[in-house]
Amino acid sequence: MKWQKLDCLQELKASIKQPFKGWSAGTYFYLDNGQVWQQRSTGRYYYTGEDTRIEIRKNALGFHVMELIASGKKIGVKRIK
């Protein structure tokens, strides 16, 4: 996989490090590539699965949206590190 700088990011594929049980207000997501993202939009989702693969894309307004591949659930995120 090829990783790009955030400014040029169109799509990022990675996995969230365990333990991962979903998200609620302000959750931090630690990815296997060393990046850290934080939930920026409201929402709560409880996840009990093992597959933590995600994709992060920019939406039409330029904000980043993370999709948990296994469930298809999406949440707005911002990069911390």
Protein backbone atom coordinates (compact mmCIF):
# COMPACT_ATOMS: atom_id res chain seq x y z
CA MET A 1 0.00 0.00 0.00
CA LYS A 2 1.15 3.52 -0.70
CA TRP A 3 0.53 6.21 1.90
CA GLN A 4 0.22 9.86 0.96
CA LYS A 5 0.44 13.10 2.88
CA LEU A 6 -2.83 14.25 4.41
CA ASP A 7 -3.04 17.29 2.12
CA CYS A 8 -3.10 15.01 -0.93
CA LEU A 9 -5.07 12.19 0.66
CA GLN A 10 -7.86 10.93 -1.55
CA GLU A 11 -8.15 7.48 -0.01
CA LEU A 12 -6.37 5.63 2.77
CA LYS A 13 -6.69 1.92 3.54
CA ALA A 14 -5.55 0.61 6.92
CA SER A 15 -6.71 -1.29 10.00
CA ILE A 16 -7.56 0.00 13.44
CA LYS A 17 -5.36 -1.49 16.14
CA GLN A 18 -7.05 -3.67 18.76
CA PRO A 19 -8.75 -3.30 21.12
CA PHE A 20 -11.48 -1.72 19.00
CA LYS A 21 -15.10 -1.80 20.15
CA GLY A 22 -16.60 0.97 18.03
CA TRP A 23 -16.92 4.70 18.64
CA SER A 24 -18.66 7.41 20.63
CA ALA A 25 -17.98 11.13 21.16
CA GLY A 26 -14.34 11.95 20.38
CA THR A 27 -12.99 8.40 19.98
CA TYR A 28 -9.33 8.12 18.91
CA PHE A 29 -8.49 5.57 16.22
CA TYR A 30 -4.94 4.17 16.26
CA LEU A 31 -4.10 2.74 12.85
CA ASP A 32 -1.62 0.02 11.97
CA ASN A 33 0.35 2.52 9.84
CA GLY A 34 1.09 4.71 12.89
CA GLN A 35 -1.49 7.40 12.13
CA VAL A 36 -3.98 8.57 14.73
CA TRP A 37 -7.41 9.90 13.79
CA GLN A 38 -10.20 11.28 15.99
CA GLN A 39 -13.95 11.16 15.56
CA ARG A 40 -15.11 14.66 14.61
CA SER A 41 -18.82 14.10 14.12
CA THR A 42 -21.44 12.89 16.54
CA GLY A 43 -22.53 9.31 16.61
CA ARG A 44 -22.14 6.10 18.50
CA TYR A 45 -21.54 2.62 17.18
CA TYR A 46 -20.76 -0.58 19.09
CA TYR A 47 -18.71 -3.17 17.17
CA THR A 48 -18.09 -6.76 18.22
CA GLY A 49 -16.36 -8.05 15.09
CA GLU A 50 -12.71 -8.90 14.49
CA ASP A 51 -12.21 -7.22 11.10
CA THR A 52 -10.99 -3.67 11.71
CA ARG A 53 -10.10 -2.72 8.12
CA ILE A 54 -11.08 0.84 7.27
CA GLU A 55 -11.01 3.28 4.39
CA ILE A 56 -10.74 7.03 4.85
CA ARG A 57 -11.84 9.33 2.02
CA LYS A 58 -12.56 13.01 1.57
CA ASN A 59 -16.20 13.90 1.08
CA ALA A 60 -17.54 16.57 -1.30
CA LEU A 61 -16.94 19.29 1.33
CA GLY A 62 -13.31 18.27 1.88
CA PHE A 63 -13.84 16.56 5.26
CA HIS A 64 -12.53 13.06 5.96
CA VAL A 65 -14.93 10.17 6.43
CA MET A 66 -13.87 6.79 7.78
CA GLU A 67 -15.73 3.63 6.76
CA LEU A 68 -15.45 0.40 8.73
CA ILE A 69 -15.38 -2.08 5.84
CA ALA A 70 -16.91 -5.03 7.71
CA SER A 71 -20.09 -3.15 8.65
CA GLY A 72 -20.26 -0.33 6.12
CA LYS A 73 -20.70 2.18 8.97
CA LYS A 74 -19.17 5.63 8.42
CA ILE A 75 -18.08 8.45 10.72
CA GLY A 76 -16.44 11.83 10.20
CA VAL A 77 -12.82 11.94 11.38
CA LYS A 78 -9.84 14.30 11.56
CA ARG A 79 -6.17 13.40 11.59
CA ILE A 80 -4.29 13.94 14.86
CA LYS A 81 -0.94 12.34 13.97
